Amino acid sequence: MLRALLVLTLSATPLETAKTHLDAGRLDDVLFALDGQTFGKDETPRAAALLGDAARLAVAKKDELLAMQFAQMALKLDPKQPQALEAMARTARSQQQFELAERACDDWLALDGANPQARLLRAELANDAGEWDRALSLLEGLKLSGPDAKRAQAAKTKAAREAADRKTSLTAVRSLERQLALAQTRHVPGEGPRVAANTSDVVIYTTSWCGYCKKAKELLTSKRVDFVEKDVEKDPKASEELAQKAAQAGVRPQGVPVLDIRGKLILGFDARAITDAL
């Protein structure tokens, strides 16, 4: 019996061996069976599909390293392998590789634009990027159940709230623009600073309802950076101070947040620019 089983194992192709391991949930053995293998024209689609299934199982098992490896192997064989694209998108998002996640999810959606899982994940990625209107569009009419329905509702609530905040901000933006224009007409080039020096290296100008302001403050807090917050809506002096700084710097903010990091103004929530300035 053992001899017969050994003969069958030795005569099996790498794909057949990998399929046996996959059915048993042995992902490490699947990788061992297929790593470094080359496949003929007829075998390539089967190999890509098997690797895609392995990538999805690795995601389910929360093994991100294997999920990414299987997805990369599958997509090398077939750039349009849907299970691999899904695994790549989910794993990349979990690892905060947002650009990679967006590309993979967009490719996944290109294959099946009605796929509710793909639309939900892309909507969540849109929320991550602050693309509230796009998130709401993707979630429109989406039918899901169980935990996915709760995720979709949470994503929709967040996008709707942030989109409303952005619309509300237009009044404050116009007010700030008028103050900036006035300050720039008063500012004489070459003139020294017209505002008092801040006691902190980092000052953030905000409003209480601004979603991007919250993100900027969370970023500073996560990096353990001390900062002073000034609400330009509630504090007229803060608004005037920002207007004068913008005039001196020759820039015109289109809203908040605006960060003053050791004299350098950063307009809006730009995580990379903020991190570089710090």
C-alpha atoms as a PDB file:
ATOM      1  CA  MET A   1       0.000   0.000   0.000  1.00  0.00           C
ATOM      2  CA  LEU A   2       2.719   2.463   0.990  1.00  0.00           C
ATOM      3  CA  ARG A   3       4.738   1.466  -2.061  1.00  0.00           C
ATOM      4  CA  ALA A   4       1.770   2.104  -4.342  1.00  0.00           C
ATOM      5  CA  LEU A   5       1.193   5.497  -2.723  1.00  0.00           C
ATOM      6  CA  LEU A   6       4.876   6.369  -3.165  1.00  0.00           C
ATOM      7  CA  VAL A   7       4.720   5.441  -6.849  1.00  0.00           C
ATOM      8  CA  LEU A   8       1.643   7.615  -7.364  1.00  0.00           C
ATOM      9  CA  THR A   9       3.308  10.530  -5.548  1.00  0.00           C
ATOM     10  CA  LEU A  10       6.469  10.254  -7.589  1.00  0.00           C
ATOM     11  CA  SER A  11       4.516  10.088 -10.856  1.00  0.00           C
ATOM     12  CA  ALA A  12       2.346  13.126 -10.052  1.00  0.00           C
ATOM     13  CA  THR A  13       3.109  16.421 -11.767  1.00  0.00           C
ATOM     14  CA  PRO A  14       4.005  19.487  -9.665  1.00  0.00           C
ATOM     15  CA  LEU A  15       0.538  20.896 -10.314  1.00  0.00           C
ATOM     16  CA  GLU A  16      -1.164  17.712  -9.197  1.00  0.00           C
ATOM     17  CA  THR A  17       1.000  17.560  -6.088  1.00  0.00           C
ATOM     18  CA  ALA A  18       0.289  21.216  -5.309  1.00  0.00           C
ATOM     19  CA  LYS A  19      -3.455  20.669  -5.775  1.00  0.00           C
ATOM     20  CA  THR A  20      -3.361  17.799  -3.269  1.00  0.00           C
ATOM     21  CA  HIS A  21      -1.572  20.015  -0.746  1.00  0.00           C
ATOM     22  CA  LEU A  22      -3.973  22.909  -1.376  1.00  0.00           C
ATOM     23  CA  ASP A  23      -7.023  20.713  -0.832  1.00  0.00           C
ATOM     24  CA  ALA A  24      -5.486  19.686   2.500  1.00  0.00           C
ATOM     25  CA  GLY A  25      -4.720  23.310   3.410  1.00  0.00           C
ATOM     26  CA  ARG A  26      -0.950  22.766   3.439  1.00  0.00           C
ATOM     27  CA  LEU A  27       0.145  26.100   1.980  1.00  0.00           C
ATOM     28  CA  ASP A  28       3.855  25.717   2.695  1.00  0.00           C
ATOM     29  CA  ASP A  29       3.838  22.465   0.725  1.00  0.00           C
ATOM     30  CA  VAL A  30       2.000  24.169  -2.145  1.00  0.00           C
ATOM     31  CA  LEU A  31       4.773  26.738  -2.307  1.00  0.00           C
ATOM     32  CA  PHE A  32       7.451  24.059  -2.143  1.00  0.00           C
ATOM     33  CA  ALA A  33       5.788  22.130  -4.995  1.00  0.00           C
ATOM     34  CA  LEU A  34       5.463  25.127  -7.352  1.00  0.00           C
ATOM     35  CA  ASP A  35       8.304  27.473  -6.472  1.00  0.00           C
ATOM     36  CA  GLY A  36      10.745  27.719  -9.374  1.00  0.00           C
ATOM     37  CA  GLN A  37       8.594  25.588 -11.691  1.00  0.00           C
ATOM     38  CA  THR A  38       8.000  26.450 -15.334  1.00  0.00           C
ATOM     39  CA  PHE A  39       4.741  25.602 -17.070  1.00  0.00           C
ATOM     40  CA  GLY A  40       3.732  24.876 -20.609  1.00  0.00           C
ATOM     41  CA  LYS A  41       1.088  26.841 -22.472  1.00  0.00           C
ATOM     42  CA  ASP A  42      -1.671  24.451 -21.449  1.00  0.00           C
ATOM     43  CA  GLU A  43      -0.581  24.306 -17.812  1.00  0.00           C
ATOM     44  CA  THR A  44      -0.146  28.042 -17.254  1.00  0.00           C
ATOM     45  CA  PRO A  45      -3.840  28.935 -16.724  1.00  0.00           C
ATOM     46  CA  ARG A  46      -4.259  26.027 -14.298  1.00  0.00           C
ATOM     47  CA  ALA A  47      -1.131  27.005 -12.400  1.00  0.00           C
ATOM     48  CA  ALA A  48      -2.227  30.651 -12.154  1.00  0.00           C
ATOM     49  CA  ALA A  49      -5.687  29.638 -10.908  1.00  0.00           C
ATOM     50  CA  LEU A  50      -4.224  27.279  -8.318  1.00  0.00           C
ATOM     51  CA  LEU A  51      -1.843  29.948  -7.076  1.00  0.00           C
ATOM     52  CA  GLY A  52      -4.727  32.428  -6.927  1.00  0.00           C
ATOM     53  CA  ASP A  53      -6.726  30.002  -4.790  1.00  0.00           C
ATOM     54  CA  ALA A  54      -3.700  29.513  -2.560  1.00  0.00           C
ATOM     55  CA  ALA A  55      -3.354  33.297  -2.199  1.00  0.00           C
ATOM     56  CA  ARG A  56      -6.999  33.632  -1.128  1.00  0.00           C
ATOM     57  CA  LEU A  57      -6.612  30.824   1.399  1.00  0.00           C
ATOM     58  CA  ALA A  58      -3.497  32.508   2.791  1.00  0.00           C
ATOM     59  CA  VAL A  59      -5.486  35.741   3.221  1.00  0.00           C
ATOM     60  CA  ALA A  60      -8.178  33.801   5.076  1.00  0.00           C
ATOM     61  CA  LYS A  61      -5.498  32.300   7.314  1.00  0.00           C
ATOM     62  CA  LYS A  62      -4.021  35.781   7.858  1.00  0.00           C
ATOM     63  CA  ASP A  63      -0.652  34.729   6.469  1.00  0.00           C
ATOM     64  CA  GLU A  64       0.158  37.935   4.585  1.00  0.00           C
ATOM     65  CA  LEU A  65       3.648  36.880   3.560  1.00  0.00           C
ATOM     66  CA  LEU A  66       2.416  33.753   1.806  1.00  0.00           C
ATOM     67  CA  ALA A  67      -0.617  35.575   0.387  1.00  0.00           C
ATOM     68  CA  MET A  68       1.597  38.185  -1.241  1.00  0.00           C
ATOM     69  CA  GLN A  69       4.019  35.551  -2.542  1.00  0.00           C
ATOM     70  CA  PHE A  70       1.287  33.384  -4.058  1.00  0.00           C
ATOM     71  CA  ALA A  71      -0.417  36.437  -5.587  1.00  0.00           C
ATOM     72  CA  GLN A  72       2.826  37.626  -7.190  1.00  0.00           C
ATOM     73  CA  MET A  73       3.510  34.169  -8.610  1.00  0.00           C
ATOM     74  CA  ALA A  74      -0.027  33.912 -10.022  1.00  0.00           C
ATOM     75  CA  LEU A  75       0.006  37.383 -11.566  1.00  0.00           C
ATOM     76  CA  LYS A  76       3.349  36.686 -13.207  1.00  0.00           C
ATOM     77  CA  LEU A  77       1.648  33.822 -15.039  1.00  0.00           C
ATOM     78  CA  ASP A  78      -1.653  35.647 -15.599  1.00  0.00           C
ATOM     79  CA  PRO A  79      -1.903  39.398 -14.837  1.00  0.00           C
ATOM     80  CA  LYS A  80      -5.697  39.105 -14.861  1.00  0.00           C
ATOM     81  CA  GLN A  81      -6.052  36.240 -12.383  1.00  0.00           C
ATOM     82  CA  PRO A  82      -8.983  37.471 -10.222  1.00  0.00           C
ATOM     83  CA  GLN A  83      -8.280  35.580  -6.989  1.00  0.00           C
ATOM     84  CA  ALA A  84      -4.670  36.761  -7.066  1.00  0.00           C
ATOM     85  CA  LEU A  85      -5.733  40.367  -7.691  1.00  0.00           C
ATOM     86  CA  GLU A  86      -8.133  40.175  -4.746  1.00  0.00           C
ATOM     87  CA  ALA A  87      -5.475  38.716  -2.468  1.00  0.00           C
ATOM     88  CA  MET A  88      -2.945  41.301  -3.608  1.00  0.00           C
ATOM     89  CA  ALA A  89      -5.374  44.178  -2.990  1.00  0.00           C
ATOM     90  CA  ARG A  90      -6.393  42.965   0.476  1.00  0.00           C
ATOM     91  CA  THR A  91      -2.860  42.174   1.606  1.00  0.00           C
ATOM     92  CA  ALA A  92      -1.397  45.413   0.265  1.00  0.00           C
ATOM     93  CA  ARG A  93      -4.072  47.439   2.050  1.00  0.00           C
ATOM     94  CA  SER A  94      -3.411  45.583   5.298  1.00  0.00           C
ATOM     95  CA  GLN A  95       0.269  46.436   4.920  1.00  0.00           C
ATOM     96  CA  GLN A  96      -0.613  50.088   4.111  1.00  0.00           C
ATOM     97  CA  GLN A  97       0.768  49.820   0.585  1.00  0.00           C
ATOM     98  CA  PHE A  98      -2.175  51.832  -0.677  1.00  0.00           C
ATOM     99  CA  GLU A  99      -1.018  52.530  -4.235  1.00  0.00           C
ATOM    100  CA  LEU A 100      -0.383  48.834  -4.844  1.00  0.00           C
ATOM    101  CA  ALA A 101      -3.743  47.967  -3.291  1.00  0.00           C
ATOM    102  CA  GLU A 102      -5.551  50.476  -5.488  1.00  0.00           C
ATOM    103  CA  ARG A 103      -3.907  49.194  -8.685  1.00  0.00           C
ATOM    104  CA  ALA A 104      -4.739  45.577  -7.862  1.00  0.00           C
ATOM    105  CA  CYS A 105      -8.314  46.426  -6.913  1.00  0.00           C
ATOM    106  CA  ASP A 106      -8.809  48.522 -10.051  1.00  0.00           C
ATOM    107  CA  ASP A 107      -7.596  45.580 -12.160  1.00  0.00           C
ATOM    108  CA  TRP A 108      -9.949  43.296 -10.241  1.00  0.00           C
ATOM    109  CA  LEU A 109     -12.864  45.664 -10.906  1.00  0.00           C
ATOM    110  CA  ALA A 110     -11.908  45.865 -14.584  1.00  0.00           C
ATOM    111  CA  LEU A 111     -12.584  42.134 -14.805  1.00  0.00           C
ATOM    112  CA  ASP A 112     -15.934  42.325 -13.009  1.00  0.00           C
ATOM    113  CA  GLY A 113     -17.224  45.798 -12.256  1.00  0.00           C
ATOM    114  CA  ALA A 114     -20.344  44.430 -10.569  1.00  0.00           C
ATOM    115  CA  ASN A 115     -18.433  42.276  -8.076  1.00  0.00           C
ATOM    116  CA  PRO A 116     -19.716  43.454  -4.661  1.00  0.00           C
ATOM    117  CA  GLN A 117     -16.553  42.418  -2.829  1.00  0.00           C
ATOM    118  CA  ALA A 118     -14.365  44.333  -5.267  1.00  0.00           C
ATOM    119  CA  ARG A 119     -16.579  47.415  -5.066  1.00  0.00           C
ATOM    120  CA  LEU A 120     -16.612  47.341  -1.261  1.00  0.00           C
ATOM    121  CA  LEU A 121     -12.852  47.030  -1.005  1.00  0.00           C
ATOM    122  CA  ARG A 122     -12.318  49.805  -3.587  1.00  0.00           C
ATOM    123  CA  ALA A 123     -14.739  52.030  -1.670  1.00  0.00           C
ATOM    124  CA  GLU A 124     -12.772  51.449   1.523  1.00  0.00           C
ATOM    125  CA  LEU A 125      -9.574  52.322  -0.329  1.00  0.00           C
ATOM    126  CA  ALA A 126     -11.261  55.473  -1.646  1.00  0.00           C
ATOM    127  CA  ASN A 127     -12.114  56.405   1.948  1.00  0.00           C
ATOM    128  CA  ASP A 128      -8.487  55.794   2.924  1.00  0.00           C
ATOM    129  CA  ALA A 129      -7.487  58.309   0.239  1.00  0.00           C
ATOM    130  CA  GLY A 130     -10.178  60.849   1.155  1.00  0.00           C
ATOM    131  CA  GLU A 131     -12.088  60.262  -2.110  1.00  0.00           C
ATOM    132  CA  TRP A 132     -15.505  60.467  -0.455  1.00  0.00           C
ATOM    133  CA  ASP A 133     -17.624  60.945  -3.577  1.00  0.00           C
ATOM    134  CA  ARG A 134     -15.993  57.979  -5.288  1.00  0.00           C
ATOM    135  CA  ALA A 135     -16.595  55.817  -2.239  1.00  0.00           C
ATOM    136  CA  LEU A 136     -20.274  56.751  -2.183  1.00  0.00           C
ATOM    137  CA  SER A 137     -20.588  56.003  -5.901  1.00  0.00           C
ATOM    138  CA  LEU A 138     -19.051  52.542  -5.472  1.00  0.00           C
ATOM    139  CA  LEU A 139     -21.319  51.761  -2.520  1.00  0.00           C
ATOM    140  CA  GLU A 140     -24.511  52.871  -4.257  1.00  0.00           C
ATOM    141  CA  GLY A 141     -26.908  49.948  -4.658  1.00  0.00           C
ATOM    142  CA  LEU A 142     -24.410  47.469  -3.244  1.00  0.00           C
ATOM    143  CA  LYS A 143     -26.079  44.357  -1.849  1.00  0.00           C
ATOM    144  CA  LEU A 144     -24.161  42.459   0.815  1.00  0.00           C
ATOM    145  CA  SER A 145     -24.973  40.475   3.924  1.00  0.00           C
ATOM    146  CA  GLY A 146     -23.459  39.726   7.323  1.00  0.00           C
ATOM    147  CA  PRO A 147     -20.156  41.368   8.275  1.00  0.00           C
ATOM    148  CA  ASP A 148     -19.680  42.708   4.742  1.00  0.00           C
ATOM    149  CA  ALA A 149     -22.972  44.597   4.984  1.00  0.00           C
ATOM    150  CA  LYS A 150     -21.771  46.187   8.228  1.00  0.00           C
ATOM    151  CA  ARG A 151     -18.464  47.140   6.564  1.00  0.00           C
ATOM    152  CA  ALA A 152     -20.337  48.699   3.658  1.00  0.00           C
ATOM    153  CA  GLN A 153     -22.596  50.692   5.992  1.00  0.00           C
ATOM    154  CA  ALA A 154     -19.601  51.908   7.997  1.00  0.00           C
ATOM    155  CA  ALA A 155     -17.813  52.950   4.804  1.00  0.00           C
ATOM    156  CA  LYS A 156     -20.931  54.728   3.518  1.00  0.00           C
ATOM    157  CA  THR A 157     -21.481  56.547   6.810  1.00  0.00           C
ATOM    158  CA  LYS A 158     -17.876  57.719   6.891  1.00  0.00           C
ATOM    159  CA  ALA A 159     -17.891  58.867   3.260  1.00  0.00           C
ATOM    160  CA  ALA A 160     -21.194  60.707   3.652  1.00  0.00           C
ATOM    161  CA  ARG A 161     -20.047  62.448   6.839  1.00  0.00           C
ATOM    162  CA  GLU A 162     -16.721  63.526   5.367  1.00  0.00           C
ATOM    163  CA  ALA A 163     -18.354  64.671   2.110  1.00  0.00           C
ATOM    164  CA  ALA A 164     -20.772  66.807   4.132  1.00  0.00           C
ATOM    165  CA  ASP A 165     -17.864  68.253   6.119  1.00  0.00           C
ATOM    166  CA  ARG A 166     -16.146  69.197   2.878  1.00  0.00           C
ATOM    167  CA  LYS A 167     -19.247  71.005   1.603  1.00  0.00           C
ATOM    168  CA  THR A 168     -19.645  72.799   4.919  1.00  0.00           C
ATOM    169  CA  SER A 169     -16.048  73.918   4.734  1.00  0.00           C
ATOM    170  CA  LEU A 170     -16.667  75.998   1.602  1.00  0.00           C
ATOM    171  CA  THR A 171     -17.977  78.925   3.656  1.00  0.00           C
ATOM    172  CA  ALA A 172     -14.907  78.945   5.876  1.00  0.00           C
ATOM    173  CA  VAL A 173     -12.646  78.531   2.846  1.00  0.00           C
ATOM    174  CA  ARG A 174     -14.145  81.590   1.142  1.00  0.00           C
ATOM    175  CA  SER A 175     -13.786  83.588   4.359  1.00  0.00           C
ATOM    176  CA  LEU A 176     -10.174  82.495   4.705  1.00  0.00           C
ATOM    177  CA  GLU A 177      -9.468  83.349   1.073  1.00  0.00           C
ATOM    178  CA  ARG A 178     -10.815  86.872   1.600  1.00  0.00           C
ATOM    179  CA  GLN A 179      -8.574  87.307   4.647  1.00  0.00           C
ATOM    180  CA  LEU A 180      -5.582  86.008   2.736  1.00  0.00           C
ATOM    181  CA  ALA A 181      -6.224  88.379  -0.127  1.00  0.00           C
ATOM    182  CA  LEU A 182      -6.501  91.283   2.302  1.00  0.00           C
ATOM    183  CA  ALA A 183      -3.316  90.304   4.120  1.00  0.00           C
ATOM    184  CA  GLN A 184      -1.413  89.989   0.844  1.00  0.00           C
ATOM    185  CA  THR A 185      -2.434  93.495  -0.212  1.00  0.00           C
ATOM    186  CA  ARG A 186      -1.129  94.813   3.116  1.00  0.00           C
ATOM    187  CA  HIS A 187       2.113  92.849   3.044  1.00  0.00           C
ATOM    188  CA  VAL A 188       5.191  94.662   1.772  1.00  0.00           C
ATOM    189  CA  PRO A 189       7.827  92.385   0.142  1.00  0.00           C
ATOM    190  CA  GLY A 190      10.985  92.246   2.242  1.00  0.00           C
ATOM    191  CA  GLU A 191       9.128  93.318   5.336  1.00  0.00           C
ATOM    192  CA  GLY A 192       9.964  91.392   8.522  1.00  0.00           C
ATOM    193  CA  PRO A 193       7.583  88.981  10.230  1.00  0.00           C
ATOM    194  CA  ARG A 194       4.285  90.517  11.311  1.00  0.00           C
ATOM    195  CA  VAL A 195       3.225  87.710  13.630  1.00  0.00           C
ATOM    196  CA  ALA A 196       4.678  86.656  16.943  1.00  0.00           C
ATOM    197  CA  ALA A 197       6.967  83.647  17.046  1.00  0.00           C
ATOM    198  CA  ASN A 198       5.205  80.446  18.085  1.00  0.00           C
ATOM    199  CA  THR A 199       6.243  78.560  21.181  1.00  0.00           C
ATOM    200  CA  SER A 200       6.028  75.263  19.287  1.00  0.00           C
ATOM    201  CA  ASP A 201       7.917  74.102  16.209  1.00  0.00           C
ATOM    202  CA  VAL A 202       4.628  72.858  14.775  1.00  0.00           C
ATOM    203  CA  VAL A 203       1.378  74.791  14.525  1.00  0.00           C
ATOM    204  CA  ILE A 204      -1.714  73.401  12.834  1.00  0.00           C
ATOM    205  CA  TYR A 205      -4.558  75.653  11.717  1.00  0.00           C
ATOM    206  CA  THR A 206      -7.887  73.800  11.769  1.00  0.00           C
ATOM    207  CA  THR A 207     -11.649  73.916  12.134  1.00  0.00           C
ATOM    208  CA  SER A 208     -13.624  71.659  14.473  1.00  0.00           C
ATOM    209  CA  TRP A 209     -15.513  69.873  11.670  1.00  0.00           C
ATOM    210  CA  CYS A 210     -12.637  69.311   9.222  1.00  0.00           C
ATOM    211  CA  GLY A 211     -11.983  65.606   8.571  1.00  0.00           C
ATOM    212  CA  TYR A 212      -8.566  66.244   7.053  1.00  0.00           C
ATOM    213  CA  CYS A 213      -7.597  68.277  10.124  1.00  0.00           C
ATOM    214  CA  LYS A 214      -8.334  65.239  12.264  1.00  0.00           C
ATOM    215  CA  LYS A 215      -6.167  63.074  10.026  1.00  0.00           C
ATOM    216  CA  ALA A 216      -3.299  65.577  10.222  1.00  0.00           C
ATOM    217  CA  LYS A 217      -3.510  65.695  14.027  1.00  0.00           C
ATOM    218  CA  GLU A 218      -3.621  61.900  14.207  1.00  0.00           C
ATOM    219  CA  LEU A 219      -0.485  61.731  12.055  1.00  0.00           C
ATOM    220  CA  LEU A 220       1.369  64.191  14.291  1.00  0.00           C
ATOM    221  CA  THR A 221       0.260  62.334  17.403  1.00  0.00           C
ATOM    222  CA  SER A 222       1.336  58.972  15.957  1.00  0.00           C
ATOM    223  CA  LYS A 223       4.804  60.458  15.398  1.00  0.00           C
ATOM    224  CA  ARG A 224       4.848  61.858  18.955  1.00  0.00           C
ATOM    225  CA  VAL A 225       5.169  65.424  17.700  1.00  0.00           C
ATOM    226  CA  ASP A 226       4.113  68.227  20.023  1.00  0.00           C
ATOM    227  CA  PHE A 227       1.977  70.812  18.252  1.00  0.00           C
ATOM    228  CA  VAL A 228      -0.223  73.820  18.862  1.00  0.00           C
ATOM    229  CA  GLU A 229      -3.699  73.747  17.327  1.00  0.00           C
ATOM    230  CA  LYS A 230      -5.422  76.973  16.297  1.00  0.00           C
ATOM    231  CA  ASP A 231      -9.039  77.006  15.134  1.00  0.00           C
ATOM    232  CA  VAL A 232      -9.366  79.660  12.409  1.00  0.00           C
ATOM    233  CA  GLU A 233     -13.155  79.600  12.657  1.00  0.00           C
ATOM    234  CA  LYS A 234     -13.418  80.211  16.404  1.00  0.00           C
ATOM    235  CA  ASP A 235     -10.308  82.375  16.837  1.00  0.00           C
ATOM    236  CA  PRO A 236     -10.145  85.485  14.610  1.00  0.00           C
ATOM    237  CA  LYS A 237      -6.532  86.071  15.675  1.00  0.00           C
ATOM    238  CA  ALA A 238      -5.580  82.608  14.430  1.00  0.00           C
ATOM    239  CA  SER A 239      -7.241  83.284  11.094  1.00  0.00           C
ATOM    240  CA  GLU A 240      -5.433  86.614  10.736  1.00  0.00           C
ATOM    241  CA  GLU A 241      -2.144  85.014  11.795  1.00  0.00           C
ATOM    242  CA  LEU A 242      -2.497  82.337   9.139  1.00  0.00           C
ATOM    243  CA  ALA A 243      -3.414  84.934   6.535  1.00  0.00           C
ATOM    244  CA  GLN A 244      -0.268  86.927   7.312  1.00  0.00           C
ATOM    245  CA  LYS A 245       1.954  83.841   7.227  1.00  0.00           C
ATOM    246  CA  ALA A 246       0.484  82.820   3.882  1.00  0.00           C
ATOM    247  CA  ALA A 247       1.021  86.323   2.507  1.00  0.00           C
ATOM    248  CA  GLN A 248       4.641  86.309   3.622  1.00  0.00           C
ATOM    249  CA  ALA A 249       5.161  82.879   2.068  1.00  0.00           C
ATOM    250  CA  GLY A 250       3.423  83.900  -1.151  1.00  0.00           C
ATOM    251  CA  VAL A 251       0.914  81.038  -1.015  1.00  0.00           C
ATOM    252  CA  ARG A 252      -2.862  80.914  -0.904  1.00  0.00           C
ATOM    253  CA  PRO A 253      -4.434  78.052   1.062  1.00  0.00           C
ATOM    254  CA  GLN A 254      -7.677  76.668  -0.299  1.00  0.00           C
ATOM    255  CA  GLY A 255      -8.842  75.650   3.164  1.00  0.00           C
ATOM    256  CA  VAL A 256      -7.628  73.800   6.209  1.00  0.00           C
ATOM    257  CA  PRO A 257      -5.593  72.177   7.571  1.00  0.00           C
ATOM    258  CA  VAL A 258      -2.528  74.321   7.122  1.00  0.00           C
ATOM    259  CA  LEU A 259       0.582  73.292   9.038  1.00  0.00           C
ATOM    260  CA  ASP A 260       3.444  75.561   9.996  1.00  0.00           C
ATOM    261  CA  ILE A 261       6.426  73.308  10.595  1.00  0.00           C
ATOM    262  CA  ARG A 262       9.391  75.404  11.658  1.00  0.00           C
ATOM    263  CA  GLY A 263       8.322  78.193   9.313  1.00  0.00           C
ATOM    264  CA  LYS A 264       7.400  75.996   6.353  1.00  0.00           C
ATOM    265  CA  LEU A 265       3.723  76.061   5.418  1.00  0.00           C
ATOM    266  CA  ILE A 266       2.125  72.820   4.252  1.00  0.00           C
ATOM    267  CA  LEU A 267      -1.275  73.267   2.661  1.00  0.00           C
ATOM    268  CA  GLY A 268      -3.847  70.538   3.200  1.00  0.00           C
ATOM    269  CA  PHE A 269      -3.352  67.018   4.491  1.00  0.00           C
ATOM    270  CA  ASP A 270      -0.317  65.653   2.673  1.00  0.00           C
ATOM    271  CA  ALA A 271       1.112  62.870   4.836  1.00  0.00           C
ATOM    272  CA  ARG A 272       4.340  62.577   2.847  1.00  0.00           C
ATOM    273  CA  ALA A 273       5.014  66.330   2.850  1.00  0.00           C
ATOM    274  CA  ILE A 274       4.294  66.534   6.569  1.00  0.00           C
ATOM    275  CA  THR A 275       6.584  63.603   7.331  1.00  0.00           C
ATOM    276  CA  ASP A 276       9.374  65.035   5.155  1.00  0.00           C
ATOM    277  CA  ALA A 277       9.088  68.436   6.861  1.00  0.00           C
ATOM    278  CA  LEU A 278       9.278  66.821  10.293  1.00  0.00           C
END
